[in-house]
N, C-alpha and C. Protein backbone atom coordinates (compact mmCIF):
# COMPACT_ATOMS: atom_id res chain seq x y z
N UNK A 1 122.66 104.71 88.88
CA UNK A 1 123.78 105.64 88.82
C UNK A 1 123.46 106.94 89.55
N UNK A 2 122.24 107.43 89.38
CA UNK A 2 121.87 108.70 90.01
C UNK A 2 121.74 108.55 91.51
N UNK A 3 121.13 107.46 91.96
CA UNK A 3 120.86 107.28 93.39
C UNK A 3 122.14 107.23 94.22
N UNK A 4 123.16 106.45 93.85
CA UNK A 4 124.40 106.48 94.66
C UNK A 4 125.01 107.87 94.72
N UNK A 5 124.97 108.58 93.61
CA UNK A 5 125.51 109.95 93.59
C UNK A 5 124.71 110.84 94.54
N UNK A 6 123.40 110.71 94.53
CA UNK A 6 122.54 111.49 95.42
C UNK A 6 122.86 111.14 96.87
N UNK A 7 123.02 109.85 97.17
CA UNK A 7 123.35 109.42 98.53
C UNK A 7 124.70 109.97 98.98
N UNK A 8 125.67 110.03 98.08
CA UNK A 8 126.98 110.59 98.42
C UNK A 8 126.87 112.04 98.83
N UNK A 9 125.97 112.79 98.20
CA UNK A 9 125.80 114.19 98.55
C UNK A 9 125.27 114.34 99.97
N UNK A 10 124.53 113.36 100.47
CA UNK A 10 123.99 113.42 101.83
C UNK A 10 125.12 113.63 102.84
N UNK A 11 126.22 112.90 102.65
CA UNK A 11 127.35 113.02 103.57
C UNK A 11 128.01 114.39 103.45
N UNK A 12 128.06 114.92 102.25
CA UNK A 12 128.61 116.27 102.07
C UNK A 12 127.74 117.30 102.76
N UNK A 13 126.42 117.12 102.69
CA UNK A 13 125.49 118.04 103.36
C UNK A 13 125.71 117.99 104.86
N UNK A 14 125.87 116.78 105.41
CA UNK A 14 126.09 116.65 106.85
C UNK A 14 127.41 117.29 107.27
N UNK A 15 128.46 117.14 106.46
CA UNK A 15 129.74 117.78 106.77
C UNK A 15 129.60 119.29 106.75
N UNK A 16 128.88 119.80 105.75
CA UNK A 16 128.67 121.25 105.66
C UNK A 16 127.84 121.73 106.84
N UNK A 17 126.86 120.96 107.27
CA UNK A 17 126.05 121.32 108.42
C UNK A 17 126.92 121.43 109.66
N UNK A 18 127.87 120.50 109.83
CA UNK A 18 128.78 120.58 110.97
C UNK A 18 129.67 121.81 110.89
N UNK A 19 130.02 122.22 109.68
CA UNK A 19 130.83 123.44 109.53
C UNK A 19 130.01 124.67 109.88
N UNK A 20 128.74 124.68 109.47
CA UNK A 20 127.87 125.82 109.75
C UNK A 20 127.47 125.85 111.21
N UNK A 21 127.16 124.69 111.76
CA UNK A 21 126.65 124.59 113.13
C UNK A 21 127.46 123.53 113.87
N UNK A 22 128.69 123.89 114.28
CA UNK A 22 129.52 122.89 114.94
C UNK A 22 128.84 122.39 116.21
N UNK A 23 129.00 121.12 116.51
CA UNK A 23 128.40 120.59 117.73
C UNK A 23 128.91 121.35 118.95
N UNK A 24 128.00 121.72 119.83
CA UNK A 24 128.32 122.40 121.09
C UNK A 24 129.01 123.74 120.92
N UNK A 25 128.86 124.36 119.78
CA UNK A 25 129.44 125.68 119.57
C UNK A 25 128.45 126.58 118.88
N UNK A 26 128.54 127.85 119.19
CA UNK A 26 127.71 128.82 118.49
C UNK A 26 128.44 129.28 117.24
N UNK A 27 127.68 129.58 116.21
CA UNK A 27 128.27 130.16 115.01
C UNK A 27 128.62 131.60 115.34
N UNK A 28 129.80 132.01 115.01
CA UNK A 28 130.21 133.38 115.31
C UNK A 28 130.24 134.18 114.02
N UNK A 29 130.09 135.47 114.13
CA UNK A 29 130.17 136.28 112.93
C UNK A 29 129.26 137.49 112.97
N UNK A 30 128.91 137.95 114.14
CA UNK A 30 128.14 139.17 114.24
C UNK A 30 126.65 139.01 114.11
N UNK A 31 126.13 137.80 114.08
CA UNK A 31 124.69 137.61 113.99
C UNK A 31 124.10 137.58 115.39
N UNK A 32 122.85 137.98 115.49
CA UNK A 32 122.16 137.90 116.76
C UNK A 32 121.89 136.44 117.10
N UNK A 33 121.60 136.19 118.35
CA UNK A 33 121.26 134.82 118.75
C UNK A 33 120.03 134.33 118.02
N UNK A 34 119.05 135.22 117.83
CA UNK A 34 117.84 134.84 117.11
C UNK A 34 118.15 134.46 115.67
N UNK A 35 119.00 135.26 115.01
CA UNK A 35 119.37 134.97 113.62
C UNK A 35 120.11 133.63 113.53
N UNK A 36 121.00 133.39 114.49
CA UNK A 36 121.71 132.12 114.51
C UNK A 36 120.74 130.95 114.70
N UNK A 37 119.76 131.12 115.59
CA UNK A 37 118.78 130.08 115.83
C UNK A 37 117.96 129.80 114.58
N UNK A 38 117.52 130.86 113.91
CA UNK A 38 116.73 130.70 112.69
C UNK A 38 117.54 129.98 111.62
N UNK A 39 118.79 130.37 111.44
CA UNK A 39 119.64 129.70 110.45
C UNK A 39 119.87 128.24 110.80
N UNK A 40 120.05 127.97 112.08
CA UNK A 40 120.25 126.59 112.52
C UNK A 40 119.00 125.75 112.24
N UNK A 41 117.82 126.31 112.55
CA UNK A 41 116.57 125.60 112.29
C UNK A 41 116.38 125.34 110.79
N UNK A 42 116.74 126.32 109.98
CA UNK A 42 116.64 126.13 108.52
C UNK A 42 117.60 125.03 108.06
N UNK A 43 118.81 125.04 108.59
CA UNK A 43 119.78 124.02 108.16
C UNK A 43 119.31 122.63 108.57
N UNK A 44 118.72 122.50 109.74
CA UNK A 44 118.18 121.20 110.15
C UNK A 44 116.99 120.82 109.28
N UNK A 45 116.15 121.80 108.97
CA UNK A 45 115.00 121.54 108.10
C UNK A 45 115.43 121.08 106.73
N UNK A 46 116.47 121.73 106.21
CA UNK A 46 116.97 121.35 104.89
C UNK A 46 117.53 119.93 104.90
N UNK A 47 118.25 119.60 105.95
CA UNK A 47 118.80 118.26 106.07
C UNK A 47 117.67 117.23 106.19
N UNK A 48 116.62 117.58 106.92
CA UNK A 48 115.48 116.68 107.07
C UNK A 48 114.74 116.44 105.77
N UNK A 49 114.52 117.50 105.01
CA UNK A 49 113.84 117.37 103.72
C UNK A 49 114.68 116.54 102.77
N UNK A 50 115.97 116.80 102.77
CA UNK A 50 116.87 116.04 101.89
C UNK A 50 116.83 114.55 102.24
N UNK A 51 116.81 114.24 103.52
CA UNK A 51 116.73 112.85 103.97
C UNK A 51 115.42 112.20 103.52
N UNK A 52 114.32 112.94 103.58
CA UNK A 52 113.03 112.41 103.14
C UNK A 52 113.04 112.13 101.64
N UNK A 53 113.64 113.04 100.87
CA UNK A 53 113.74 112.82 99.42
C UNK A 53 114.57 111.57 99.15
N UNK A 54 115.68 111.45 99.85
CA UNK A 54 116.56 110.29 99.66
C UNK A 54 115.82 108.99 99.98
N UNK A 55 115.10 108.97 101.12
CA UNK A 55 114.38 107.77 101.50
C UNK A 55 113.30 107.41 100.49
N UNK A 56 112.59 108.42 100.02
CA UNK A 56 111.53 108.19 99.04
C UNK A 56 112.12 107.61 97.75
N UNK A 57 113.24 108.19 97.29
CA UNK A 57 113.89 107.69 96.08
C UNK A 57 114.47 106.30 96.28
N UNK A 58 115.08 106.07 97.44
CA UNK A 58 115.64 104.75 97.72
C UNK A 58 114.56 103.68 97.66
N UNK A 59 113.43 103.95 98.31
CA UNK A 59 112.34 102.97 98.30
C UNK A 59 111.81 102.73 96.89
N UNK A 60 111.67 103.81 96.13
CA UNK A 60 111.12 103.68 94.78
C UNK A 60 112.10 102.99 93.84
N UNK A 61 113.35 103.39 93.88
CA UNK A 61 114.32 102.89 92.90
C UNK A 61 114.96 101.56 93.27
N UNK A 62 115.09 101.28 94.56
CA UNK A 62 115.74 100.01 94.93
C UNK A 62 114.75 98.93 95.34
N UNK A 63 113.61 99.34 95.92
CA UNK A 63 112.64 98.35 96.37
C UNK A 63 111.41 98.27 95.47
N UNK A 64 111.32 99.19 94.54
CA UNK A 64 110.18 99.20 93.64
C UNK A 64 108.88 99.68 94.27
N UNK A 65 109.00 100.35 95.41
CA UNK A 65 107.81 100.89 96.09
C UNK A 65 107.38 102.15 95.35
N UNK A 66 106.17 102.17 94.82
CA UNK A 66 105.75 103.37 94.10
C UNK A 66 105.59 104.56 95.04
N UNK A 67 105.91 105.73 94.53
CA UNK A 67 105.75 106.97 95.30
C UNK A 67 104.30 107.40 95.15
N UNK A 68 103.62 107.53 96.27
CA UNK A 68 102.21 107.93 96.21
C UNK A 68 102.11 109.42 95.92
N UNK A 69 101.03 109.79 95.32
CA UNK A 69 100.78 111.20 95.02
C UNK A 69 100.77 112.02 96.31
N UNK A 70 100.19 111.46 97.37
CA UNK A 70 100.12 112.16 98.65
C UNK A 70 101.50 112.41 99.22
N UNK A 71 102.38 111.40 99.17
CA UNK A 71 103.75 111.57 99.67
C UNK A 71 104.51 112.62 98.87
N UNK A 72 104.35 112.57 97.55
CA UNK A 72 105.03 113.53 96.68
C UNK A 72 104.53 114.95 96.96
N UNK A 73 103.22 115.10 97.12
CA UNK A 73 102.65 116.43 97.38
C UNK A 73 103.09 116.95 98.75
N UNK A 74 103.12 116.07 99.76
CA UNK A 74 103.53 116.48 101.10
C UNK A 74 104.99 116.93 101.09
N UNK A 75 105.84 116.18 100.38
CA UNK A 75 107.25 116.55 100.29
C UNK A 75 107.42 117.87 99.54
N UNK A 76 106.66 118.04 98.47
CA UNK A 76 106.71 119.30 97.73
C UNK A 76 106.31 120.46 98.64
N UNK A 77 105.27 120.28 99.44
CA UNK A 77 104.83 121.34 100.36
C UNK A 77 105.91 121.67 101.39
N UNK A 78 106.62 120.64 101.87
CA UNK A 78 107.71 120.89 102.82
C UNK A 78 108.83 121.69 102.17
N UNK A 79 109.14 121.37 100.92
CA UNK A 79 110.20 122.08 100.20
C UNK A 79 109.80 123.54 99.99
N UNK A 80 108.56 123.77 99.60
CA UNK A 80 108.07 125.14 99.40
C UNK A 80 108.13 125.92 100.71
N UNK A 81 107.68 125.30 101.81
CA UNK A 81 107.70 125.97 103.12
C UNK A 81 109.13 126.30 103.54
N UNK A 82 110.05 125.38 103.28
CA UNK A 82 111.46 125.62 103.62
C UNK A 82 112.02 126.76 102.79
N UNK A 83 111.69 126.81 101.51
CA UNK A 83 112.16 127.91 100.67
C UNK A 83 111.62 129.25 101.15
N UNK A 84 110.36 129.29 101.57
CA UNK A 84 109.77 130.52 102.10
C UNK A 84 110.52 130.94 103.36
N UNK A 85 110.81 129.98 104.25
CA UNK A 85 111.55 130.29 105.48
C UNK A 85 112.94 130.84 105.18
N UNK A 86 113.59 130.27 104.18
CA UNK A 86 114.92 130.73 103.79
C UNK A 86 114.85 132.17 103.27
N UNK A 87 113.89 132.45 102.41
CA UNK A 87 113.74 133.79 101.86
C UNK A 87 113.42 134.81 102.95
N UNK A 88 112.54 134.45 103.88
CA UNK A 88 112.20 135.37 104.97
C UNK A 88 113.39 135.62 105.88
N UNK A 89 114.17 134.57 106.17
CA UNK A 89 115.36 134.74 107.00
C UNK A 89 116.39 135.61 106.31
N UNK A 90 116.54 135.41 105.01
CA UNK A 90 117.49 136.22 104.26
C UNK A 90 117.12 137.70 104.33
N UNK A 91 115.86 137.99 104.12
CA UNK A 91 115.41 139.39 104.18
C UNK A 91 115.67 139.97 105.56
N UNK A 92 115.33 139.23 106.61
CA UNK A 92 115.51 139.71 107.98
C UNK A 92 116.98 139.91 108.33
N UNK A 93 117.82 138.97 107.93
CA UNK A 93 119.25 139.06 108.26
C UNK A 93 119.93 140.16 107.47
N UNK A 94 119.62 140.27 106.19
CA UNK A 94 120.23 141.31 105.36
C UNK A 94 119.84 142.69 105.89
N UNK A 95 118.60 142.85 106.34
CA UNK A 95 118.17 144.15 106.85
C UNK A 95 118.92 144.54 108.12
N UNK A 96 119.39 143.57 108.90
CA UNK A 96 120.13 143.89 110.12
C UNK A 96 121.59 144.24 109.81
N UNK A 97 122.09 143.81 108.68
CA UNK A 97 123.47 144.07 108.29
C UNK A 97 123.63 145.47 107.74
N UNK A 98 122.63 145.96 107.05
CA UNK A 98 122.72 147.27 106.38
C UNK A 98 122.67 148.40 107.33
């Protein structure tokens, strides 16, 4: 029950990504090109991490493949690094707005 719901959210994330970063268009709204690039990289990173979580869960829950400690730790490290990048970008962008 949880896995199909999680998979459904993947499509919502991709739709939101297209809204944030339309194909072949720049996001407009007063941000610098660097800020837009950083936000785009974060959004792609978030989508990538989400996909890795989904794949890991799919393999474990549907195929019975156990999740190794190393895979879980590597994914956790990616999530932590992504959160740090988000916080740093937020601080940098907010400081340019004020």
